[in-house]
C-alpha cells in the first residue's frame, strides 16, 4: 500500500471520532447563516467564556466581533494557525479593513499549493450577517470555495468543493460569549482540471478535515474570545 494510503487511513479513523462529536454539537446559528448539512461532512469548533455580568459580556462580544471582522489580523491574533489569511477584492487584490460580502480569502496552507489557485486556496465571502437584541447578539461570516479571482479559469481553487461552506460566528447569550466555526457539506474537490490538483486535493482534503479545519478552527475560536 502506498505511504499516503496509510496516512489517509490513520486520518480517516481519527476523523471519524471527531465527526461523531461534531454531530452532537448544536451550532450557534442565531443569524441563520449556517446552512443545513445535506451531503458531506460536518465540522464544528467552539470556544466560550462565561462573564460575571452583562456589561462585561457585551464588552467581550464587541471585542470578539471586531477580531472576527479583521481577517487580515487572524494570524497575529492566533499565532498557531497553520494557514495564513489575506482578504482580497473581487479581482484578487489585497484589501485592508473589515471583511465585506463579495470579498475573498486568499489562503496559504502548509504543503503544496493549488495549481488552479496559483499556489493558494480561495474562498468567496457570500454572507456577513448580524443579529441584535437585548440579551442576544450574533455575527456570522459564511465563505464558500471559489475559483481563483485572478484567473479566467473556473476551476474551484480549493481542496473542498463549492458545495462546502465555513461559517465563522461570535454570539453573546446573556453573560456567555461563544466563538464558533461550522463547516457544512464538506467534500473533497475531485473535479479540478489539473491532474496535480486532483492528487493534492485528495491528500490535503483528507488531512484538512482534521487539521486544516477542526484543529486550526479551534485555535481561532480560542483566540477570538481570549484575553
Protein backbone atom coordinates (compact mmCIF):
# COMPACT_ATOMS: atom_id res chain seq x y z
CA UNK A 1 0.00 0.00 0.00
CA UNK A 2 1.42 3.44 -0.91
CA UNK A 3 2.51 5.55 2.07
CA UNK A 4 -0.16 8.17 1.51
CA UNK A 5 -2.84 5.48 1.81
CA UNK A 6 -1.56 4.65 5.30
CA UNK A 7 -1.67 8.36 6.18
CA UNK A 8 -5.21 8.69 4.86
CA UNK A 9 -6.30 5.54 6.72
CA UNK A 10 -4.99 6.89 10.01
CA UNK A 11 -6.52 10.31 9.44
CA UNK A 12 -9.82 8.70 8.50
CA UNK A 13 -10.13 6.81 11.80
CA UNK A 14 -9.31 9.92 13.83
CA UNK A 15 -11.69 11.99 11.71
CA UNK A 16 -14.50 9.52 12.40
CA UNK A 17 -14.05 10.11 16.14
CA UNK A 18 -14.28 13.88 15.74
CA UNK A 19 -17.21 13.61 13.34
CA UNK A 20 -19.25 11.75 15.96
CA UNK A 21 -18.52 14.56 18.43
CA UNK A 22 -19.43 17.21 15.85
CA UNK A 23 -22.77 15.60 15.10
CA UNK A 24 -23.76 16.01 18.76
CA UNK A 25 -22.85 19.72 18.88
CA UNK A 26 -25.68 22.20 18.22
CA UNK A 27 -24.29 25.19 16.35
CA UNK A 28 -24.92 28.81 17.33
CA UNK A 29 -26.96 29.73 14.26
CA UNK A 30 -28.68 32.87 15.50
CA UNK A 31 -28.31 34.73 12.19
CA UNK A 32 -29.37 31.75 10.07
CA UNK A 33 -26.10 31.87 8.14
CA UNK A 34 -25.12 28.25 8.85
CA UNK A 35 -26.67 26.10 6.10
CA UNK A 36 -28.23 22.70 6.59
CA UNK A 37 -25.85 19.81 6.05
CA UNK A 38 -27.30 17.96 3.07
CA UNK A 39 -24.43 15.89 1.71
CA UNK A 40 -20.93 15.80 3.18
CA UNK A 41 -19.05 16.07 6.44
CA UNK A 42 -19.85 18.29 9.43
CA UNK A 43 -17.04 20.01 11.34
CA UNK A 44 -17.67 22.17 14.42
CA UNK A 45 -15.25 24.13 16.59
CA UNK A 46 -16.34 26.31 19.52
CA UNK A 47 -14.84 28.25 22.42
CA UNK A 48 -16.86 30.10 25.05
CA UNK A 49 -16.49 32.28 28.12
CA UNK A 50 -18.97 32.99 30.89
CA UNK A 51 -18.57 36.53 32.24
CA UNK A 52 -19.55 37.79 35.68
CA UNK A 53 -22.05 40.37 34.41
CA UNK A 54 -23.85 41.55 31.26
CA UNK A 55 -21.69 44.64 30.81
CA UNK A 56 -18.51 42.55 30.72
CA UNK A 57 -20.10 40.10 28.29
CA UNK A 58 -21.17 42.95 25.99
CA UNK A 59 -17.61 44.32 26.04
CA UNK A 60 -16.10 40.92 25.17
CA UNK A 61 -18.66 40.40 22.40
CA UNK A 62 -17.77 43.79 20.88
CA UNK A 63 -14.05 42.93 21.03
CA UNK A 64 -14.52 39.42 19.60
CA UNK A 65 -16.72 40.80 16.82
CA UNK A 66 -14.01 43.25 15.77
CA UNK A 67 -11.43 40.46 15.89
CA UNK A 68 -13.61 38.28 13.67
CA UNK A 69 -14.16 41.00 11.09
CA UNK A 70 -10.44 41.79 10.88
CA UNK A 71 -9.49 38.73 8.84
CA UNK A 72 -6.08 40.13 7.89
CA UNK A 73 -5.12 40.07 11.58
CA UNK A 74 -6.18 36.50 12.31
CA UNK A 75 -2.61 35.23 12.13
CA UNK A 76 -1.40 37.85 14.59
CA UNK A 77 -4.34 37.12 16.88
CA UNK A 78 -3.87 33.34 16.73
CA UNK A 79 -0.17 32.78 16.11
CA UNK A 80 -0.55 28.98 16.00
CA UNK A 81 -2.83 28.98 12.96
CA UNK A 82 -1.42 26.63 10.33
CA UNK A 83 -2.79 28.63 7.41
CA UNK A 84 -2.41 32.34 6.66
CA UNK A 85 -5.32 34.51 5.52
CA UNK A 86 -5.33 37.57 3.27
CA UNK A 87 -8.50 39.48 2.44
CA UNK A 88 -8.86 40.49 -1.22
CA UNK A 89 -11.32 42.24 -3.51
CA UNK A 90 -13.22 40.65 -6.40
CA UNK A 91 -10.09 40.85 -8.57
CA UNK A 92 -7.85 39.19 -6.01
CA UNK A 93 -6.08 42.40 -4.97
CA UNK A 94 -5.28 42.73 -1.25
CA UNK A 95 -7.64 44.96 0.75
CA UNK A 96 -7.49 46.35 4.27
CA UNK A 97 -10.25 46.93 6.80
CA UNK A 98 -13.15 44.76 7.82
CA UNK A 99 -14.43 41.88 5.72
CA UNK A 100 -17.36 42.59 3.41
CA UNK A 101 -19.71 40.41 1.40
CA UNK A 102 -18.09 39.85 -2.01
CA UNK A 103 -14.52 39.81 -0.67
CA UNK A 104 -12.30 36.75 -0.98
CA UNK A 105 -10.00 34.94 1.44
CA UNK A 106 -6.64 34.11 -0.13
CA UNK A 107 -5.41 31.18 1.96
CA UNK A 108 -1.87 29.85 2.15
CA UNK A 109 -1.67 26.42 3.79
CA UNK A 110 1.43 24.32 4.51
CA UNK A 111 2.49 21.96 1.76
CA UNK A 112 1.84 22.04 -1.97
CA UNK A 113 -0.40 24.85 -3.17
CA UNK A 114 -3.29 24.65 -5.60
CA UNK A 115 -2.30 24.97 -9.27
CA UNK A 116 -5.71 26.46 -10.07
CA UNK A 117 -5.22 28.96 -7.24
CA UNK A 118 -1.63 29.79 -8.28
CA UNK A 119 -0.32 28.39 -5.01
CA UNK A 120 -3.28 29.40 -2.83
CA UNK A 121 -6.74 28.23 -1.84
CA UNK A 122 -9.58 30.72 -2.39
CA UNK A 123 -13.00 31.21 -0.80
CA UNK A 124 -15.70 33.78 -1.52
CA UNK A 125 -17.38 35.69 1.30
CA UNK A 126 -21.04 35.15 0.42
CA UNK A 127 -22.69 36.40 3.62
CA UNK A 128 -21.97 38.74 6.52
CA UNK A 129 -24.99 38.70 8.86
CA UNK A 130 -25.75 40.19 12.28
CA UNK A 131 -28.48 39.87 14.89
CA UNK A 132 -29.05 42.28 17.78
CA UNK A 133 -31.41 42.14 20.76
CA UNK A 134 -31.13 42.96 24.46
CA UNK A 135 -29.95 39.54 25.61
CA UNK A 136 -28.75 38.03 22.34
CA UNK A 137 -26.19 39.32 19.83
CA UNK A 138 -24.52 37.47 16.99
CA UNK A 139 -22.44 37.98 13.84
CA UNK A 140 -21.65 35.42 11.15
CA UNK A 141 -19.37 35.30 8.11
CA UNK A 142 -20.03 32.50 5.61
CA UNK A 143 -17.48 31.58 2.96
CA UNK A 144 -17.51 29.09 0.10
CA UNK A 145 -14.67 27.61 -2.03
CA UNK A 146 -14.36 29.52 -5.29
CA UNK A 147 -12.43 29.92 -8.50
CA UNK A 148 -9.25 31.97 -8.42
CA UNK A 149 -10.39 35.60 -8.94
CA UNK A 150 -7.04 36.46 -10.57
CA UNK A 151 -7.61 33.88 -13.32
CA UNK A 152 -10.13 33.41 -16.13
CA UNK A 153 -10.37 29.70 -15.37
CA UNK A 154 -13.43 28.48 -13.49
CA UNK A 155 -11.86 25.50 -11.67
CA UNK A 156 -12.55 25.64 -7.93
CA UNK A 157 -9.23 26.64 -6.34
CA UNK A 158 -9.64 24.80 -3.05
CA UNK A 159 -9.29 21.27 -1.69
CA UNK A 160 -13.03 21.24 -0.90
CA UNK A 161 -15.86 21.54 -3.44
CA UNK A 162 -18.03 24.64 -3.77
CA UNK A 163 -20.86 22.76 -2.06
CA UNK A 164 -18.82 23.16 1.13
CA UNK A 165 -19.11 26.17 3.44
CA UNK A 166 -17.42 27.52 6.55
CA UNK A 167 -19.36 29.89 8.82
CA UNK A 168 -17.45 31.92 11.41
CA UNK A 169 -19.55 33.28 14.27
CA UNK A 170 -19.41 35.20 17.53
CA UNK A 171 -22.51 35.10 19.76
CA UNK A 172 -23.46 36.61 23.11
CA UNK A 173 -26.22 34.93 25.11
CA UNK A 174 -26.73 36.96 28.27
CA UNK A 175 -23.36 36.63 30.07
CA UNK A 176 -21.91 33.94 27.79
CA UNK A 177 -19.84 34.71 24.67
CA UNK A 178 -19.16 31.93 22.16
CA UNK A 179 -16.93 31.90 19.08
CA UNK A 180 -17.72 29.14 16.59
CA UNK A 181 -16.72 27.83 13.18
CA UNK A 182 -19.16 25.48 11.46
CA UNK A 183 -18.17 23.61 8.29
CA UNK A 184 -21.05 22.07 6.38
CA UNK A 185 -21.40 19.78 3.33
CA UNK A 186 -17.65 19.16 3.31
CA UNK A 187 -16.46 17.12 0.34
CA UNK A 188 -13.02 16.77 -1.23
CA UNK A 189 -12.69 18.56 -4.59
CA UNK A 190 -12.16 15.88 -7.25
CA UNK A 191 -13.34 17.99 -10.19
CA UNK A 192 -10.20 20.00 -10.87
CA UNK A 193 -8.99 20.22 -14.45
CA UNK A 194 -5.43 19.99 -13.15
CA UNK A 195 -4.20 16.43 -12.55
CA UNK A 196 -1.70 17.70 -9.98
CA UNK A 197 -4.54 19.33 -8.06
CA UNK A 198 -6.55 16.09 -8.05
CA UNK A 199 -3.77 14.31 -6.14
CA UNK A 200 -3.10 17.33 -3.94
CA UNK A 201 -6.79 17.82 -3.08
CA UNK A 202 -7.28 14.15 -2.23
CA UNK A 203 -4.43 14.22 0.28
CA UNK A 204 -4.89 17.73 1.65
CA UNK A 205 -8.67 17.31 1.79
CA UNK A 206 -8.36 14.14 3.86
CA UNK A 207 -5.90 15.74 6.26
CA UNK A 208 -7.79 19.02 6.08
CA UNK A 209 -10.92 17.62 7.71
CA UNK A 210 -8.91 17.03 10.87
CA UNK A 211 -6.03 19.53 10.77
CA UNK A 212 -6.82 22.46 8.49
CA UNK A 213 -10.40 22.59 9.72
CA UNK A 214 -11.02 21.06 13.15
CA UNK A 215 -7.69 21.89 14.79
CA UNK A 216 -7.00 25.28 13.28
CA UNK A 217 -10.59 26.48 13.75
CA UNK A 218 -10.33 25.65 17.46
CA UNK A 219 -7.14 27.72 17.62
CA UNK A 220 -9.03 30.61 16.01
CA UNK A 221 -12.11 30.38 18.22
CA UNK A 222 -9.94 30.28 21.34
CA UNK A 223 -8.21 33.46 20.21
CA UNK A 224 -11.44 35.27 19.30
CA UNK A 225 -12.76 35.09 22.87
CA UNK A 226 -9.37 35.08 24.60
CA UNK A 227 -7.92 37.75 26.87
